[in-house]
Every structure is written in structure tokens, then in C-alpha cells.
């Protein structure tokens, strides 16, 4: 089992940031509104809680309070230059996919196949739970769809990145 000490600062940054970037990119791919965004945040929080109850020490380290705060600050700082919603959506998706590929590359370089599988499952779970957390395009809770087209497109790109293939 790998630990934080096994990775360079750049590798650790990718491992630590990718889960939050996947959640943000998935949420930004849809148009959930205020209440939907709250549901998406709860979906991410429930995923983190489940991970912290699980058996993977590396994932525990990724979601340590200090690392989560550092990831949030770094992501927030990097987003300051983005000026509009479409650009933000594109930026978050690109950042999430790049971090995912870098993180998986770091895990592969360390020969941490069990950790890599747990990490892939984590990112898949985050994307799925955030996408399914709220309906998109409805009015006052009526109509709409559980997973929007934008979310489906991003999740397909994420799946390809997790499989190591180009989408």
C-alpha cells in the first residue's frame, strides 16, 4: 500500500486534487441551480465519509483535513482567472481529467495496483453520485432529468481517462 511519502509533491497534488476537481467538473457540467448544487455537495461529502470508514490508508490521507483544505485553496486560486461559466466548465473538466491521468500515472509508477483500483472506484463514485444528486432542467421539482447531457459527456470523458484511453 502506498502512502503520501511515496509520491513527489506534484504527484501528491494530482492525487489530492483530482477527487475535488471531478466533483466540481461534474457539477459544472449540469445546471442544477442552488438546491441542486447543495445536493451535489452532500453527495461529495457522503462519498468522503464512506472513504474515511473504508480500509484504504492512501484514500484516508487524501481526505485528511489539511490536504482537503490545501486542494480547495489551490483549486480556488487557479479558478480566479476564469471569467465566464462556459470557460469555467471547460477549465474544470480539463483540470479534472489532467489530474486524474497524472494521479493514475503516479500510482502506476509506484506499482500500487490495489490503490489504483480503489482510486478509480473513488473517482467513478464521485462522478456518479454528483451527477445523480439532483435533477437538471426541471421546474419546482417537476420534470427534468437525473443526469444531464453535459454530465453524461463529462462522465464519458472521465471513464475514458480512468481506463487509460482517449475519448
Protein backbone atom coordinates (compact mmCIF):
# COMPACT_ATOMS: atom_id res chain seq x y z
CA UNK A 1 0.00 0.00 0.00
CA UNK A 2 1.30 3.41 -0.98
CA UNK A 3 1.38 6.44 1.30
CA UNK A 4 1.87 10.15 0.75
CA UNK A 5 5.62 9.73 1.39
CA UNK A 6 5.87 7.58 -1.76
CA UNK A 7 4.95 10.48 -4.06
CA UNK A 8 6.59 13.68 -5.22
CA UNK A 9 4.81 16.96 -4.32
CA UNK A 10 3.46 17.20 -7.89
CA UNK A 11 2.18 13.63 -7.83
CA UNK A 12 0.56 14.16 -4.43
CA UNK A 13 -1.08 17.34 -5.68
CA UNK A 14 -2.71 15.41 -8.54
CA UNK A 15 -3.83 12.60 -6.22
CA UNK A 16 -5.24 15.07 -3.70
CA UNK A 17 -6.89 17.47 -6.17
CA UNK A 18 -8.48 15.05 -8.63
CA UNK A 19 -11.42 13.98 -6.41
CA UNK A 20 -12.47 17.56 -5.76
CA UNK A 21 -11.93 18.54 -9.39
CA UNK A 22 -14.07 15.60 -10.56
CA UNK A 23 -16.88 16.70 -8.22
CA UNK A 24 -16.66 20.32 -9.39
CA UNK A 25 -16.41 19.40 -13.07
CA UNK A 26 -19.42 17.09 -12.82
CA UNK A 27 -21.48 19.72 -11.03
CA UNK A 28 -20.46 22.42 -13.52
CA UNK A 29 -21.38 20.17 -16.45
CA UNK A 30 -25.02 20.31 -15.37
CA UNK A 31 -27.23 23.19 -14.41
CA UNK A 32 -28.69 22.20 -11.07
CA UNK A 33 -29.42 25.58 -9.55
CA UNK A 34 -28.91 26.42 -5.89
CA UNK A 35 -30.69 23.44 -4.34
CA UNK A 36 -29.19 21.02 -6.81
CA UNK A 37 -25.73 22.34 -6.04
CA UNK A 38 -26.40 21.75 -2.35
CA UNK A 39 -27.42 18.15 -3.10
CA UNK A 40 -24.25 17.70 -5.16
CA UNK A 41 -22.15 18.96 -2.25
CA UNK A 42 -23.85 16.50 0.08
CA UNK A 43 -23.14 13.70 -2.42
CA UNK A 44 -19.43 14.54 -2.31
CA UNK A 45 -19.46 14.74 1.50
CA UNK A 46 -21.15 11.34 1.79
CA UNK A 47 -18.54 9.84 -0.51
CA UNK A 48 -15.73 11.25 1.63
CA UNK A 49 -17.39 9.91 4.79
CA UNK A 50 -17.62 6.44 3.24
CA UNK A 51 -13.96 6.56 2.20
CA UNK A 52 -12.87 7.53 5.69
CA UNK A 53 -14.73 4.49 7.08
CA UNK A 54 -13.10 2.25 4.46
CA UNK A 55 -9.87 0.23 4.53
CA UNK A 56 -7.68 2.30 2.14
CA UNK A 57 -4.95 4.24 4.02
CA UNK A 58 -3.95 6.21 0.90
CA UNK A 59 -7.51 7.47 0.44
CA UNK A 60 -7.63 8.40 4.13
CA UNK A 61 -4.53 10.54 3.59
CA UNK A 62 -6.02 12.20 0.51
CA UNK A 63 -9.05 13.25 2.54
CA UNK A 64 -7.13 14.41 5.60
CA UNK A 65 -8.40 17.83 6.67
CA UNK A 66 -5.16 19.65 5.81
CA UNK A 67 -4.94 18.09 2.36
CA UNK A 68 -8.56 18.82 1.56
CA UNK A 69 -8.06 22.45 2.56
CA UNK A 70 -4.87 22.71 0.52
CA UNK A 71 -6.65 21.26 -2.53
CA UNK A 72 -9.56 23.67 -2.12
CA UNK A 73 -7.24 26.67 -1.86
CA UNK A 74 -5.21 25.63 -4.86
CA UNK A 75 -8.31 24.98 -6.98
CA UNK A 76 -9.94 28.24 -5.89
CA UNK A 77 -6.80 30.21 -6.72
CA UNK A 78 -6.48 28.56 -10.13
CA UNK A 79 -10.11 29.39 -10.97
CA UNK A 80 -9.75 33.14 -10.31
CA UNK A 81 -8.58 33.85 -13.85
CA UNK A 82 -11.63 32.15 -15.41
CA UNK A 83 -14.15 34.80 -16.42
CA UNK A 84 -17.37 33.12 -17.55
CA UNK A 85 -19.44 29.99 -16.93
CA UNK A 86 -18.58 28.22 -20.20
CA UNK A 87 -14.87 28.84 -19.69
CA UNK A 88 -15.15 27.63 -16.08
CA UNK A 89 -16.89 24.43 -17.17
CA UNK A 90 -14.16 23.75 -19.73
CA UNK A 91 -11.38 24.63 -17.29
CA UNK A 92 -12.75 22.34 -14.57
CA UNK A 93 -13.21 19.43 -16.95
CA UNK A 94 -9.74 19.76 -18.39
CA UNK A 95 -8.21 20.15 -14.92
CA UNK A 96 -10.12 17.14 -13.57
CA UNK A 97 -9.09 14.91 -16.46
CA UNK A 98 -5.46 16.05 -16.35
CA UNK A 99 -5.27 15.49 -12.57
CA UNK A 100 -6.93 12.08 -12.95
CA UNK A 101 -4.40 10.98 -15.58
CA UNK A 102 -1.47 12.33 -13.55
CA UNK A 103 -2.71 10.61 -10.39
CA UNK A 104 -3.16 7.28 -12.13
CA UNK A 105 0.27 7.66 -13.71
CA UNK A 106 1.79 8.25 -10.28
CA UNK A 107 0.05 5.18 -8.85
CA UNK A 108 1.18 3.06 -11.81
CA UNK A 109 4.78 4.28 -11.42
CA UNK A 110 4.73 3.10 -7.79
CA UNK A 111 3.25 -0.26 -8.73
CA UNK A 112 0.30 0.43 -6.44
CA UNK A 113 -2.32 -1.56 -8.33
CA UNK A 114 -4.67 -2.06 -5.35
CA UNK A 115 -4.51 1.65 -4.58
CA UNK A 116 -5.07 2.48 -8.25
CA UNK A 117 -8.22 0.33 -8.36
CA UNK A 118 -9.55 1.95 -5.18
CA UNK A 119 -8.73 5.38 -6.60
CA UNK A 120 -10.50 4.62 -9.90
CA UNK A 121 -13.54 3.40 -7.96
CA UNK A 122 -13.46 6.57 -5.83
CA UNK A 123 -13.42 8.92 -8.82
CA UNK A 124 -16.13 6.93 -10.58
CA UNK A 125 -18.27 7.02 -7.44
CA UNK A 126 -17.80 10.78 -7.01
CA UNK A 127 -18.77 11.47 -10.63
CA UNK A 128 -21.81 9.19 -10.49
CA UNK A 129 -23.08 10.44 -7.13
CA UNK A 130 -22.68 14.12 -8.01
CA UNK A 131 -24.34 13.63 -11.40
CA UNK A 132 -27.27 11.78 -9.83
CA UNK A 133 -27.67 14.09 -6.83
CA UNK A 134 -30.14 16.50 -8.42
CA UNK A 135 -32.45 16.74 -11.40
CA UNK A 136 -31.45 19.07 -14.20
CA UNK A 137 -33.82 21.25 -16.17
CA UNK A 138 -37.00 20.79 -14.15
CA UNK A 139 -39.26 23.39 -12.60
CA UNK A 140 -40.15 23.28 -8.90
CA UNK A 141 -39.18 19.63 -8.73
CA UNK A 142 -41.20 18.56 -11.77
CA UNK A 143 -39.74 17.27 -14.99
CA UNK A 144 -36.10 17.42 -15.80
CA UNK A 145 -33.66 14.57 -15.93
CA UNK A 146 -31.49 12.96 -13.28
CA UNK A 147 -28.25 13.21 -15.30
CA UNK A 148 -27.93 15.98 -17.86
CA UNK A 149 -26.34 15.62 -21.28
CA UNK A 150 -23.38 17.71 -20.13
CA UNK A 151 -22.86 15.45 -17.14
CA UNK A 152 -23.11 12.32 -19.33
CA UNK A 153 -20.48 13.76 -21.68
CA UNK A 154 -18.10 14.58 -18.85
CA UNK A 155 -18.61 11.18 -17.20
CA UNK A 156 -17.76 9.51 -20.54
CA UNK A 157 -14.53 11.51 -20.69
CA UNK A 158 -13.78 10.59 -17.08
CA UNK A 159 -14.44 6.91 -17.77
CA UNK A 160 -12.02 7.05 -20.71
CA UNK A 161 -9.37 8.75 -18.57
CA UNK A 162 -9.81 6.14 -15.84
CA UNK A 163 -9.46 3.37 -18.41
CA UNK A 164 -6.37 5.00 -19.87
CA UNK A 165 -7.97 5.59 -23.25
CA UNK A 166 -8.62 8.76 -25.23
CA UNK A 167 -12.23 9.81 -25.63
